[in-house]
Amino acid sequence: MGRPVAFFEIISTDADRARGFYTGLFGWTASDQEGGYALVDTGAGEGAIGGGIGAAETPEEAGVKIYVQVDDLEKTLEQAVALGGTTLVEPAALPGDYGRFAVFADPDGNPVGLWG
């Protein structure tokens, strides 16, 4: 069984600009969270993929990332590394009751998030 893409994230060196760009272009709404992060509602209805727009701490961190929902972060991260990926962020708790996440780079260097 495949795993669903559960979340997307747009990280920018100018998060306010990125927020204005995407909400203006696609009609998305963005609600402020802690630390200047904004949760995105794409308006696609119940069961749609949610997202977020936030500030990059470094220029290298900027970009778009998907998060795939998995049952076991550690096991999936180990599998990603065994297949040629590289761990970028070890499993860690998200604020509130949003669960845990981890990030790896695929063999081409693209960051991919895991959420569980």
PDB file of N, CA and C in Angstrom:
ATOM      1  N   MET A   1       0.838  -1.181   0.000  1.00  0.00           N
ATOM      2  CA  MET A   1       0.000   0.000   0.000  1.00  0.00           C
ATOM      3  C   MET A   1       0.885   1.247   0.000  1.00  0.00           C
ATOM      4  N   GLY A   2       0.586   2.188  -0.834  1.00  0.00           N
ATOM      5  CA  GLY A   2       1.343   3.429  -0.897  1.00  0.00           C
ATOM      6  C   GLY A   2       1.038   4.332   0.284  1.00  0.00           C
ATOM      7  N   ARG A   3       1.926   5.256   0.540  1.00  0.00           N
ATOM      8  CA  ARG A   3       1.764   6.218   1.626  1.00  0.00           C
ATOM      9  C   ARG A   3       1.332   7.559   1.055  1.00  0.00           C
ATOM     10  N   PRO A   4       0.379   8.230   1.708  1.00  0.00           N
ATOM     11  CA  PRO A   4      -0.128   9.491   1.179  1.00  0.00           C
ATOM     12  C   PRO A   4       0.792  10.679   1.461  1.00  0.00           C
ATOM     13  N   VAL A   5       0.838  11.589   0.491  1.00  0.00           N
ATOM     14  CA  VAL A   5       1.441  12.887   0.762  1.00  0.00           C
ATOM     15  C   VAL A   5       0.457  13.590   1.676  1.00  0.00           C
ATOM     16  N   ALA A   6       0.923  14.012   2.842  1.00  0.00           N
ATOM     17  CA  ALA A   6       0.030  14.539   3.871  1.00  0.00           C
ATOM     18  C   ALA A   6       0.167  16.044   4.085  1.00  0.00           C
ATOM     19  N   PHE A   7       1.260  16.634   3.615  1.00  0.00           N
ATOM     20  CA  PHE A   7       1.518  18.032   3.930  1.00  0.00           C
ATOM     21  C   PHE A   7       2.554  18.560   2.949  1.00  0.00           C
ATOM     22  N   PHE A   8       2.479  19.840   2.626  1.00  0.00           N
ATOM     23  CA  PHE A   8       3.535  20.483   1.849  1.00  0.00           C
ATOM     24  C   PHE A   8       4.006  21.701   2.620  1.00  0.00           C
ATOM     25  N   GLU A   9       5.218  22.098   2.341  1.00  0.00           N
ATOM     26  CA  GLU A   9       5.784  23.233   3.056  1.00  0.00           C
ATOM     27  C   GLU A   9       6.569  24.090   2.077  1.00  0.00           C
ATOM     28  N   ILE A  10       6.350  25.391   2.165  1.00  0.00           N
ATOM     29  CA  ILE A  10       7.088  26.358   1.355  1.00  0.00           C
ATOM     30  C   ILE A  10       7.912  27.189   2.326  1.00  0.00           C
ATOM     31  N   ILE A  11       9.226  27.051   2.229  1.00  0.00           N
ATOM     32  CA  ILE A  11      10.135  27.768   3.119  1.00  0.00           C
ATOM     33  C   ILE A  11      10.885  28.798   2.285  1.00  0.00           C
ATOM     34  N   SER A  12      10.874  30.030   2.744  1.00  0.00           N
ATOM     35  CA  SER A  12      11.431  31.141   1.967  1.00  0.00           C
ATOM     36  C   SER A  12      12.306  32.044   2.827  1.00  0.00           C
ATOM     37  N   THR A  13      13.274  32.685   2.184  1.00  0.00           N
ATOM     38  CA  THR A  13      14.076  33.693   2.879  1.00  0.00           C
ATOM     39  C   THR A  13      13.241  34.946   3.149  1.00  0.00           C
ATOM     40  N   ASP A  14      12.072  35.065   2.503  1.00  0.00           N
ATOM     41  CA  ASP A  14      11.124  36.149   2.754  1.00  0.00           C
ATOM     42  C   ASP A  14       9.731  35.524   2.831  1.00  0.00           C
ATOM     43  N   ALA A  15       9.401  35.009   4.016  1.00  0.00           N
ATOM     44  CA  ALA A  15       8.152  34.272   4.201  1.00  0.00           C
ATOM     45  C   ALA A  15       6.918  35.138   3.925  1.00  0.00           C
ATOM     46  N   ASP A  16       6.966  36.423   4.276  1.00  0.00           N
ATOM     47  CA  ASP A  16       5.827  37.304   4.002  1.00  0.00           C
ATOM     48  C   ASP A  16       5.600  37.439   2.502  1.00  0.00           C
ATOM     49  N   ARG A  17       6.671  37.589   1.762  1.00  0.00           N
ATOM     50  CA  ARG A  17       6.563  37.679   0.301  1.00  0.00           C
ATOM     51  C   ARG A  17       5.990  36.385  -0.268  1.00  0.00           C
ATOM     52  N   ALA A  18       6.505  35.244   0.207  1.00  0.00           N
ATOM     53  CA  ALA A  18       6.018  33.954  -0.281  1.00  0.00           C
ATOM     54  C   ALA A  18       4.538  33.774   0.045  1.00  0.00           C
ATOM     55  N   ARG A  19       4.165  34.155   1.248  1.00  0.00           N
ATOM     56  CA  ARG A  19       2.756  34.041   1.641  1.00  0.00           C
ATOM     57  C   ARG A  19       1.876  34.883   0.724  1.00  0.00           C
ATOM     58  N   GLY A  20       2.258  36.119   0.483  1.00  0.00           N
ATOM     59  CA  GLY A  20       1.493  36.994  -0.409  1.00  0.00           C
ATOM     60  C   GLY A  20       1.427  36.454  -1.826  1.00  0.00           C
ATOM     61  N   PHE A  21       2.530  35.899  -2.292  1.00  0.00           N
ATOM     62  CA  PHE A  21       2.584  35.344  -3.646  1.00  0.00           C
ATOM     63  C   PHE A  21       1.600  34.184  -3.804  1.00  0.00           C
ATOM     64  N   TYR A  22       1.683  33.191  -2.913  1.00  0.00           N
ATOM     65  CA  TYR A  22       0.858  31.987  -3.062  1.00  0.00           C
ATOM     66  C   TYR A  22      -0.617  32.233  -2.747  1.00  0.00           C
ATOM     67  N   THR A  23      -0.905  33.079  -1.750  1.00  0.00           N
ATOM     68  CA  THR A  23      -2.308  33.367  -1.476  1.00  0.00           C
ATOM     69  C   THR A  23      -2.910  34.204  -2.601  1.00  0.00           C
ATOM     70  N   GLY A  24      -2.119  35.121  -3.161  1.00  0.00           N
ATOM     71  CA  GLY A  24      -2.598  35.934  -4.271  1.00  0.00           C
ATOM     72  C   GLY A  24      -2.765  35.146  -5.561  1.00  0.00           C
ATOM     73  N   LEU A  25      -1.836  34.257  -5.832  1.00  0.00           N
ATOM     74  CA  LEU A  25      -1.863  33.488  -7.073  1.00  0.00           C
ATOM     75  C   LEU A  25      -2.959  32.428  -7.078  1.00  0.00           C
ATOM     76  N   PHE A  26      -3.081  31.681  -5.988  1.00  0.00           N
ATOM     77  CA  PHE A  26      -3.984  30.541  -5.965  1.00  0.00           C
ATOM     78  C   PHE A  26      -5.248  30.743  -5.123  1.00  0.00           C
ATOM     79  N   GLY A  27      -5.359  31.876  -4.425  1.00  0.00           N
ATOM     80  CA  GLY A  27      -6.522  32.109  -3.587  1.00  0.00           C
ATOM     81  C   GLY A  27      -6.509  31.317  -2.292  1.00  0.00           C
ATOM     82  N   TRP A  28      -5.346  30.830  -1.900  1.00  0.00           N
ATOM     83  CA  TRP A  28      -5.221  30.104  -0.644  1.00  0.00           C
ATOM     84  C   TRP A  28      -5.386  31.066   0.523  1.00  0.00           C
ATOM     85  N   THR A  29      -5.755  30.541   1.684  1.00  0.00           N
ATOM     86  CA  THR A  29      -5.734  31.341   2.898  1.00  0.00           C
ATOM     87  C   THR A  29      -4.625  30.806   3.795  1.00  0.00           C
ATOM     88  N   ALA A  30      -4.062  31.693   4.592  1.00  0.00           N
ATOM     89  CA  ALA A  30      -2.952  31.312   5.471  1.00  0.00           C
ATOM     90  C   ALA A  30      -3.220  31.892   6.849  1.00  0.00           C
ATOM     91  N   SER A  31      -3.174  31.045   7.873  1.00  0.00           N
ATOM     92  CA  SER A  31      -3.414  31.501   9.238  1.00  0.00           C
ATOM     93  C   SER A  31      -2.126  31.448  10.046  1.00  0.00           C
ATOM     94  N   ASP A  32      -1.864  32.542  10.757  1.00  0.00           N
ATOM     95  CA  ASP A  32      -0.639  32.669  11.539  1.00  0.00           C
ATOM     96  C   ASP A  32      -0.565  31.643  12.654  1.00  0.00           C
ATOM     97  N   GLN A  33       0.643  31.110  12.844  1.00  0.00           N
ATOM     98  CA  GLN A  33       0.954  30.194  13.926  1.00  0.00           C
ATOM     99  C   GLN A  33       2.120  30.795  14.703  1.00  0.00           C
ATOM    100  N   GLU A  34       2.664  30.054  15.636  1.00  0.00           N
ATOM    101  CA  GLU A  34       3.812  30.528  16.404  1.00  0.00           C
ATOM    102  C   GLU A  34       5.024  30.725  15.509  1.00  0.00           C
ATOM    103  N   GLY A  35       5.857  31.693  15.839  1.00  0.00           N
ATOM    104  CA  GLY A  35       7.126  31.897  15.162  1.00  0.00           C
ATOM    105  C   GLY A  35       7.028  32.386  13.728  1.00  0.00           C
ATOM    106  N   GLY A  36       5.911  32.995  13.341  1.00  0.00           N
ATOM    107  CA  GLY A  36       5.786  33.526  11.996  1.00  0.00           C
ATOM    108  C   GLY A  36       5.417  32.497  10.949  1.00  0.00           C
ATOM    109  N   TYR A  37       5.182  31.273  11.359  1.00  0.00           N
ATOM    110  CA  TYR A  37       4.775  30.215  10.435  1.00  0.00           C
ATOM    111  C   TYR A  37       3.286  30.381  10.147  1.00  0.00           C
ATOM    112  N   ALA A  38       2.854  30.020   8.955  1.00  0.00           N
ATOM    113  CA  ALA A  38       1.442  30.100   8.601  1.00  0.00           C
ATOM    114  C   ALA A  38       0.976  28.760   8.061  1.00  0.00           C
ATOM    115  N   LEU A  39      -0.169  28.282   8.560  1.00  0.00           N
ATOM    116  CA  LEU A  39      -0.783  27.086   8.002  1.00  0.00           C
ATOM    117  C   LEU A  39      -1.634  27.490   6.811  1.00  0.00           C
ATOM    118  N   VAL A  40      -1.568  26.706   5.748  1.00  0.00           N
ATOM    119  CA  VAL A  40      -2.233  27.034   4.494  1.00  0.00           C
ATOM    120  C   VAL A  40      -3.462  26.157   4.295  1.00  0.00           C
ATOM    121  N   ASP A  41      -4.553  26.793   3.898  1.00  0.00           N
ATOM    122  CA  ASP A  41      -5.756  26.080   3.470  1.00  0.00           C
ATOM    123  C   ASP A  41      -5.888  26.364   1.975  1.00  0.00           C
ATOM    124  N   THR A  42      -5.777  25.319   1.177  1.00  0.00           N
ATOM    125  CA  THR A  42      -5.837  25.494  -0.284  1.00  0.00           C
ATOM    126  C   THR A  42      -7.267  25.634  -0.787  1.00  0.00           C
ATOM    127  N   GLY A  43      -8.250  25.438   0.093  1.00  0.00           N
ATOM    128  CA  GLY A  43      -9.642  25.558  -0.310  1.00  0.00           C
ATOM    129  C   GLY A  43     -10.157  24.339  -1.048  1.00  0.00           C
ATOM    130  N   ALA A  44      -9.412  23.238  -1.004  1.00  0.00           N
ATOM    131  CA  ALA A  44      -9.797  22.031  -1.735  1.00  0.00           C
ATOM    132  C   ALA A  44     -10.762  21.152  -0.949  1.00  0.00           C
ATOM    133  N   GLY A  45     -11.136  21.572   0.246  1.00  0.00           N
ATOM    134  CA  GLY A  45     -12.141  20.846   1.009  1.00  0.00           C
ATOM    135  C   GLY A  45     -11.592  19.788   1.942  1.00  0.00           C
ATOM    136  N   GLU A  46     -12.544  19.074   2.538  1.00  0.00           N
ATOM    137  CA  GLU A  46     -12.241  18.018   3.512  1.00  0.00           C
ATOM    138  C   GLU A  46     -11.323  16.963   2.893  1.00  0.00           C
ATOM    139  N   GLY A  47     -10.297  16.579   3.623  1.00  0.00           N
ATOM    140  CA  GLY A  47      -9.383  15.543   3.142  1.00  0.00           C
ATOM    141  C   GLY A  47      -8.290  16.051   2.220  1.00  0.00           C
ATOM    142  N   ALA A  48      -8.266  17.348   1.934  1.00  0.00           N
ATOM    143  CA  ALA A  48      -7.223  17.905   1.069  1.00  0.00           C
ATOM    144  C   ALA A  48      -5.886  17.946   1.806  1.00  0.00           C
ATOM    145  N   ILE A  49      -4.824  17.979   1.070  1.00  0.00           N
ATOM    146  CA  ILE A  49      -3.484  18.105   1.643  1.00  0.00           C
ATOM    147  C   ILE A  49      -3.326  19.505   2.210  1.00  0.00           C
ATOM    148  N   GLY A  50      -2.875  19.591   3.451  1.00  0.00           N
ATOM    149  CA  GLY A  50      -2.623  20.877   4.076  1.00  0.00           C
ATOM    150  C   GLY A  50      -1.202  21.317   3.817  1.00  0.00           C
ATOM    151  N   GLY A  51      -0.912  22.556   4.162  1.00  0.00           N
ATOM    152  CA  GLY A  51       0.433  23.055   3.937  1.00  0.00           C
ATOM    153  C   GLY A  51       0.822  24.137   4.914  1.00  0.00           C
ATOM    154  N   GLY A  52       2.029  24.617   4.739  1.00  0.00           N
ATOM    155  CA  GLY A  52       2.540  25.677   5.573  1.00  0.00           C
ATOM    156  C   GLY A  52       3.528  26.540   4.819  1.00  0.00           C
ATOM    157  N   ILE A  53       3.644  27.787   5.237  1.00  0.00           N
ATOM    158  CA  ILE A  53       4.624  28.719   4.682  1.00  0.00           C
ATOM    159  C   ILE A  53       5.397  29.292   5.856  1.00  0.00           C
ATOM    160  N   GLY A  54       6.729  29.229   5.775  1.00  0.00           N
ATOM    161  CA  GLY A  54       7.546  29.713   6.871  1.00  0.00           C
ATOM    162  C   GLY A  54       8.862  30.292   6.407  1.00  0.00           C
ATOM    163  N   ALA A  55       9.585  30.833   7.355  1.00  0.00           N
ATOM    164  CA  ALA A  55      10.856  31.487   7.089  1.00  0.00           C
ATOM    165  C   ALA A  55      12.012  30.493   7.100  1.00  0.00           C
ATOM    166  N   ALA A  56      12.940  30.679   6.185  1.00  0.00           N
ATOM    167  CA  ALA A  56      14.171  29.887   6.146  1.00  0.00           C
ATOM    168  C   ALA A  56      15.179  30.501   7.106  1.00  0.00           C
ATOM    169  N   GLU A  57      15.844  29.653   7.869  1.00  0.00           N
ATOM    170  CA  GLU A  57      16.903  30.147   8.743  1.00  0.00           C
ATOM    171  C   GLU A  57      18.176  30.411   7.950  1.00  0.00           C
ATOM    172  N   THR A  58      18.355  29.670   6.855  1.00  0.00           N
ATOM    173  CA  THR A  58      19.492  29.876   5.953  1.00  0.00           C
ATOM    174  C   THR A  58      18.974  29.822   4.521  1.00  0.00           C
ATOM    175  N   PRO A  59      19.656  30.449   3.580  1.00  0.00           N
ATOM    176  CA  PRO A  59      19.211  30.384   2.175  1.00  0.00           C
ATOM    177  C   PRO A  59      19.123  28.953   1.649  1.00  0.00           C
ATOM    178  N   GLU A  60      19.983  28.068   2.145  1.00  0.00           N
ATOM    179  CA  GLU A  60      19.978  26.671   1.690  1.00  0.00           C
ATOM    180  C   GLU A  60      18.708  25.932   2.113  1.00  0.00           C
ATOM    181  N   GLU A  61      18.064  26.394   3.164  1.00  0.00           N
ATOM    182  CA  GLU A  61      16.854  25.748   3.666  1.00  0.00           C
ATOM    183  C   GLU A  61      15.618  26.098   2.831  1.00  0.00           C
ATOM    184  N   ALA A  62      15.682  27.174   2.052  1.00  0.00           N
ATOM    185  CA  ALA A  62      14.534  27.620   1.263  1.00  0.00           C
ATOM    186  C   ALA A  62      14.177  26.594   0.191  1.00  0.00           C
ATOM    187  N   GLY A  63      12.878  26.449  -0.042  1.00  0.00           N
ATOM    188  CA  GLY A  63      12.396  25.551  -1.083  1.00  0.00           C
ATOM    189  C   GLY A  63      11.048  24.976  -0.724  1.00  0.00           C
ATOM    190  N   VAL A  64      10.589  24.075  -1.573  1.00  0.00           N
ATOM    191  CA  VAL A  64       9.311  23.413  -1.379  1.00  0.00           C
ATOM    192  C   VAL A  64       9.581  21.961  -1.005  1.00  0.00           C
ATOM    193  N   LYS A  65       8.840  21.472  -0.021  1.00  0.00           N
ATOM    194  CA  LYS A  65       9.058  20.115   0.472  1.00  0.00           C
ATOM    195  C   LYS A  65       7.705  19.450   0.674  1.00  0.00           C
ATOM    196  N   ILE A  66       7.630  18.154   0.355  1.00  0.00           N
ATOM    197  CA  ILE A  66       6.443  17.381   0.682  1.00  0.00           C
ATOM    198  C   ILE A  66       6.723  16.561   1.932  1.00  0.00           C
ATOM    199  N   TYR A  67       5.675  16.231   2.651  1.00  0.00           N
ATOM    200  CA  TYR A  67       5.757  15.349   3.812  1.00  0.00           C
ATOM    201  C   TYR A  67       4.861  14.149   3.550  1.00  0.00           C
ATOM    202  N   VAL A  68       5.419  12.961   3.689  1.00  0.00           N
ATOM    203  CA  VAL A  68       4.683  11.724   3.477  1.00  0.00           C
ATOM    204  C   VAL A  68       4.343  11.126   4.832  1.00  0.00           C
ATOM    205  N   GLN A  69       3.080  10.739   4.995  1.00  0.00           N
ATOM    206  CA  GLN A  69       2.647  10.157   6.260  1.00  0.00           C
ATOM    207  C   GLN A  69       3.091   8.699   6.320  1.00  0.00           C
ATOM    208  N   VAL A  70       3.748   8.336   7.420  1.00  0.00           N
ATOM    209  CA  VAL A  70       4.255   6.973   7.617  1.00  0.00           C
ATOM    210  C   VAL A  70       3.884   6.481   9.006  1.00  0.00           C
ATOM    211  N   ASP A  71       3.909   5.164   9.171  1.00  0.00           N
ATOM    212  CA  ASP A  71       3.586   4.566  10.467  1.00  0.00           C
ATOM    213  C   ASP A  71       4.768   4.587  11.429  1.00  0.00           C
ATOM    214  N   ASP A  72       5.989   4.481  10.894  1.00  0.00           N
ATOM    215  CA  ASP A  72       7.183   4.360  11.730  1.00  0.00           C
ATOM    216  C   ASP A  72       8.285   5.252  11.155  1.00  0.00           C
ATOM    217  N   LEU A  73       8.500   6.401  11.785  1.00  0.00           N
ATOM    218  CA  LEU A  73       9.507   7.353  11.292  1.00  0.00           C
ATOM    219  C   LEU A  73      10.896   6.733  11.232  1.00  0.00           C
ATOM    220  N   GLU A  74      11.308   6.106  12.318  1.00  0.00           N
ATOM    221  CA  GLU A  74      12.663   5.564  12.386  1.00  0.00           C
ATOM    222  C   GLU A  74      12.899   4.498  11.313  1.00  0.00           C
ATOM    223  N   LYS A  75      11.959   3.587  11.172  1.00  0.00           N
ATOM    224  CA  LYS A  75      12.092   2.513  10.188  1.00  0.00           C
ATOM    225  C   LYS A  75      12.121   3.072   8.761  1.00  0.00           C
ATOM    226  N   THR A  76      11.260   4.030   8.472  1.00  0.00           N
ATOM    227  CA  THR A  76      11.217   4.618   7.132  1.00  0.00           C
ATOM    228  C   THR A  76      12.488   5.400   6.846  1.00  0.00           C
ATOM    229  N   LEU A  77      13.009   6.110   7.840  1.00  0.00           N
ATOM    230  CA  LEU A  77      14.257   6.852   7.674  1.00  0.00           C
ATOM    231  C   LEU A  77      15.417   5.892   7.412  1.00  0.00           C
ATOM    232  N   GLU A  78      15.464   4.789   8.147  1.00  0.00           N
ATOM    233  CA  GLU A  78      16.498   3.770   7.912  1.00  0.00           C
ATOM    234  C   GLU A  78      16.395   3.212   6.494  1.00  0.00           C
ATOM    235  N   GLN A  79      15.174   2.977   6.039  1.00  0.00           N
ATOM    236  CA  GLN A  79      14.946   2.451   4.695  1.00  0.00           C
ATOM    237  C   GLN A  79      15.401   3.467   3.637  1.00  0.00           C
ATOM    238  N   ALA A  80      15.115   4.750   3.865  1.00  0.00           N
ATOM    239  CA  ALA A  80      15.534   5.794   2.927  1.00  0.00           C
ATOM    240  C   ALA A  80      17.059   5.810   2.802  1.00  0.00           C
ATOM    241  N   VAL A  81      17.749   5.703   3.922  1.00  0.00           N
ATOM    242  CA  VAL A  81      19.218   5.694   3.918  1.00  0.00           C
ATOM    243  C   VAL A  81      19.735   4.443   3.207  1.00  0.00           C
ATOM    244  N   ALA A  82      19.126   3.298   3.466  1.00  0.00           N
ATOM    245  CA  ALA A  82      19.543   2.052   2.817  1.00  0.00           C
ATOM    246  C   ALA A  82      19.373   2.120   1.295  1.00  0.00           C
ATOM    247  N   LEU A  83      18.407   2.918   0.840  1.00  0.00           N
ATOM    248  CA  LEU A  83      18.157   3.055  -0.605  1.00  0.00           C
ATOM    249  C   LEU A  83      18.970   4.181  -1.247  1.00  0.00           C
ATOM    250  N   GLY A  84      19.845   4.824  -0.468  1.00  0.00           N
ATOM    251  CA  GLY A  84      20.716   5.858  -1.029  1.00  0.00           C
ATOM    252  C   GLY A  84      20.420   7.268  -0.571  1.00  0.00           C
ATOM    253  N   GLY A  85      19.468   7.436   0.341  1.00  0.00           N
ATOM    254  CA  GLY A  85      19.161   8.758   0.869  1.00  0.00           C
ATOM    255  C   GLY A  85      20.085   9.128   2.021  1.00  0.00           C
ATOM    256  N   THR A  86      19.935  10.347   2.519  1.00  0.00           N
ATOM    257  CA  THR A  86      20.741  10.864   3.616  1.00  0.00           C
ATOM    258  C   THR A  86      19.817  11.522   4.637  1.00  0.00           C
ATOM    259  N   THR A  87      20.009  11.224   5.905  1.00  0.00           N
ATOM    260  CA  THR A  87      19.208  11.853   6.952  1.00  0.00           C
ATOM    261  C   THR A  87      19.605  13.315   7.091  1.00  0.00           C
ATOM    262  N   LEU A  88      18.616  14.200   7.044  1.00  0.00           N
ATOM    263  CA  LEU A  88      18.855  15.626   7.252  1.00  0.00           C
ATOM    264  C   LEU A  88      18.386  16.069   8.635  1.00  0.00           C
ATOM    265  N   VAL A  89      17.234  15.551   9.086  1.00  0.00           N
ATOM    266  CA  VAL A  89      16.691  15.876  10.404  1.00  0.00           C
ATOM    267  C   VAL A  89      16.211  14.575  11.038  1.00  0.00           C
ATOM    268  N   GLU A  90      16.779  14.248  12.188  1.00  0.00           N
ATOM    269  CA  GLU A  90      16.362  13.057  12.932  1.00  0.00           C
ATOM    270  C   GLU A  90      14.919  13.232  13.418  1.00  0.00           C
ATOM    271  N   PRO A  91      14.198  12.147  13.691  1.00  0.00           N
ATOM    272  CA  PRO A  91      12.827  12.259  14.196  1.00  0.00           C
ATOM    273  C   PRO A  91      12.748  13.182  15.407  1.00  0.00           C
ATOM    274  N   ALA A  92      11.755  14.074  15.373  1.00  0.00           N
ATOM    275  CA  ALA A  92      11.570  15.057  16.443  1.00  0.00           C
ATOM    276  C   ALA A  92      10.086  15.371  16.579  1.00  0.00           C
ATOM    277  N   ALA A  93       9.710  15.858  17.741  1.00  0.00           N
ATOM    278  CA  ALA A  93       8.318  16.228  18.006  1.00  0.00           C
ATOM    279  C   ALA A  93       7.989  17.567  17.364  1.00  0.00           C
ATOM    280  N   LEU A  94       6.779  17.675  16.853  1.00  0.00           N
ATOM    281  CA  LEU A  94       6.253  18.942  16.351  1.00  0.00           C
ATOM    282  C   LEU A  94       5.551  19.662  17.505  1.00  0.00           C
ATOM    283  N   PRO A  95       5.396  20.979  17.418  1.00  0.00           N
ATOM    284  CA  PRO A  95       4.674  21.700  18.470  1.00  0.00           C
ATOM    285  C   PRO A  95       3.218  21.223  18.558  1.00  0.00           C
ATOM    286  N   GLY A  96       2.651  21.337  19.724  1.00  0.00           N
ATOM    287  CA  GLY A  96       1.246  20.960  19.902  1.00  0.00           C
ATOM    288  C   GLY A  96       1.053  19.463  19.731  1.00  0.00           C
ATOM    289  N   ASP A  97      -0.071  19.101  19.208  1.00  0.00           N
ATOM    290  CA  ASP A  97      -0.417  17.691  19.016  1.00  0.00           C
ATOM    291  C   ASP A  97      -0.284  17.276  17.561  1.00  0.00           C
ATOM    292  N   TYR A  98       0.696  17.806  16.862  1.00  0.00           N
ATOM    293  CA  TYR A  98       0.836  17.524  15.436  1.00  0.00           C
ATOM    294  C   TYR A  98       1.687  16.291  15.139  1.00  0.00           C
ATOM    295  N   GLY A  99       2.130  15.573  16.144  1.00  0.00           N
ATOM    296  CA  GLY A  99       2.895  14.354  15.920  1.00  0.00           C
ATOM    297  C   GLY A  99       4.391  14.593  15.856  1.00  0.00           C
ATOM    298  N   ARG A 100       5.069  13.791  15.041  1.00  0.00           N
ATOM    299  CA  ARG A 100       6.528  13.865  14.903  1.00  0.00           C
ATOM    300  C   ARG A 100       6.884  13.952  13.425  1.00  0.00           C
ATOM    301  N   PHE A 101       8.122  14.384  13.164  1.00  0.00           N
ATOM    302  CA  PHE A 101       8.583  14.485  11.787  1.00  0.00           C
ATOM    303  C   PHE A 101      10.059  14.138  11.692  1.00  0.00           C
ATOM    304  N   ALA A 102      10.502  13.903  10.484  1.00  0.00           N
ATOM    305  CA  ALA A 102      11.917  13.719  10.156  1.00  0.00           C
ATOM    306  C   ALA A 102      12.077  14.169   8.712  1.00  0.00           C
ATOM    307  N   VAL A 103      13.319  14.418   8.296  1.00  0.00           N
ATOM    308  CA  VAL A 103      13.576  14.833   6.911  1.00  0.00           C
ATOM    309  C   VAL A 103      14.798  14.096   6.405  1.00  0.00           C
ATOM    310  N   PHE A 104      14.708  13.637   5.157  1.00  0.00           N
ATOM    311  CA  PHE A 104      15.860  13.034   4.493  1.00  0.00           C
ATOM    312  C   PHE A 104      16.033  13.667   3.132  1.00  0.00           C
ATOM    313  N   ALA A 105      17.217  13.496   2.558  1.00  0.00           N
ATOM    314  CA  ALA A 105      17.468  13.905   1.175  1.00  0.00           C
ATOM    315  C   ALA A 105      17.459  12.642   0.329  1.00  0.00           C
ATOM    316  N   ASP A 106      16.770  12.688  -0.810  1.00  0.00           N
ATOM    317  CA  ASP A 106      16.787  11.543  -1.714  1.00  0.00           C
ATOM    318  C   ASP A 106      18.151  11.483  -2.407  1.00  0.00           C
ATOM    319  N   PRO A 107      18.433  10.468  -3.224  1.00  0.00           N
ATOM    320  CA  PRO A 107      19.757  10.371  -3.838  1.00  0.00           C
ATOM    321  C   PRO A 107      20.148  11.571  -4.703  1.00  0.00           C
ATOM    322  N   ASP A 108      19.156  12.373  -5.152  1.00  0.00           N
ATOM    323  CA  ASP A 108      19.469  13.576  -5.923  1.00  0.00           C
ATOM    324  C   ASP A 108      19.597  14.823  -5.058  1.00  0.00           C
ATOM    325  N   GLY A 109      19.449  14.663  -3.740  1.00  0.00           N
ATOM    326  CA  GLY A 109      19.585  15.787  -2.831  1.00  0.00           C
ATOM    327  C   GLY A 109      18.307  16.516  -2.516  1.00  0.00           C
ATOM    328  N   ASN A 110      17.156  16.049  -3.024  1.00  0.00           N
ATOM    329  CA  ASN A 110      15.878  16.705  -2.753  1.00  0.00           C
ATOM    330  C   ASN A 110      15.385  16.367  -1.343  1.00  0.00           C
ATOM    331  N   PRO A 111      15.069  17.371  -0.530  1.00  0.00           N
ATOM    332  CA  PRO A 111      14.591  17.070   0.821  1.00  0.00           C
ATOM    333  C   PRO A 111      13.148  16.561   0.783  1.00  0.00           C
ATOM    334  N   VAL A 112      12.881  15.525   1.572  1.00  0.00           N
ATOM    335  CA  VAL A 112      11.554  14.935   1.688  1.00  0.00           C
ATOM    336  C   VAL A 112      11.267  14.756   3.171  1.00  0.00           C
ATOM    337  N   GLY A 113      10.099  15.216   3.605  1.00  0.00           N
ATOM    338  CA  GLY A 113       9.731  15.070   5.001  1.00  0.00           C
ATOM    339  C   GLY A 113       8.913  13.821   5.243  1.00  0.00           C
ATOM    340  N   LEU A 114       9.046  13.315   6.447  1.00  0.00           N
ATOM    341  CA  LEU A 114       8.223  12.198   6.914  1.00  0.00           C
ATOM    342  C   LEU A 114       7.412  12.708   8.089  1.00  0.00           C
ATOM    343  N   TRP A 115       6.179  12.261   8.196  1.00  0.00           N
ATOM    344  CA  TRP A 115       5.311  12.706   9.279  1.00  0.00           C
ATOM    345  C   TRP A 115       4.583  11.502   9.839  1.00  0.00           C
ATOM    346  N   GLY A 116       4.582  11.403  11.145  1.00  0.00           N
ATOM    347  CA  GLY A 116       3.896  10.276  11.757  1.00  0.00           C
ATOM    348  C   GLY A 116       3.489  10.565  13.171  1.00  0.00           C
TER     349      GLY A 116
END
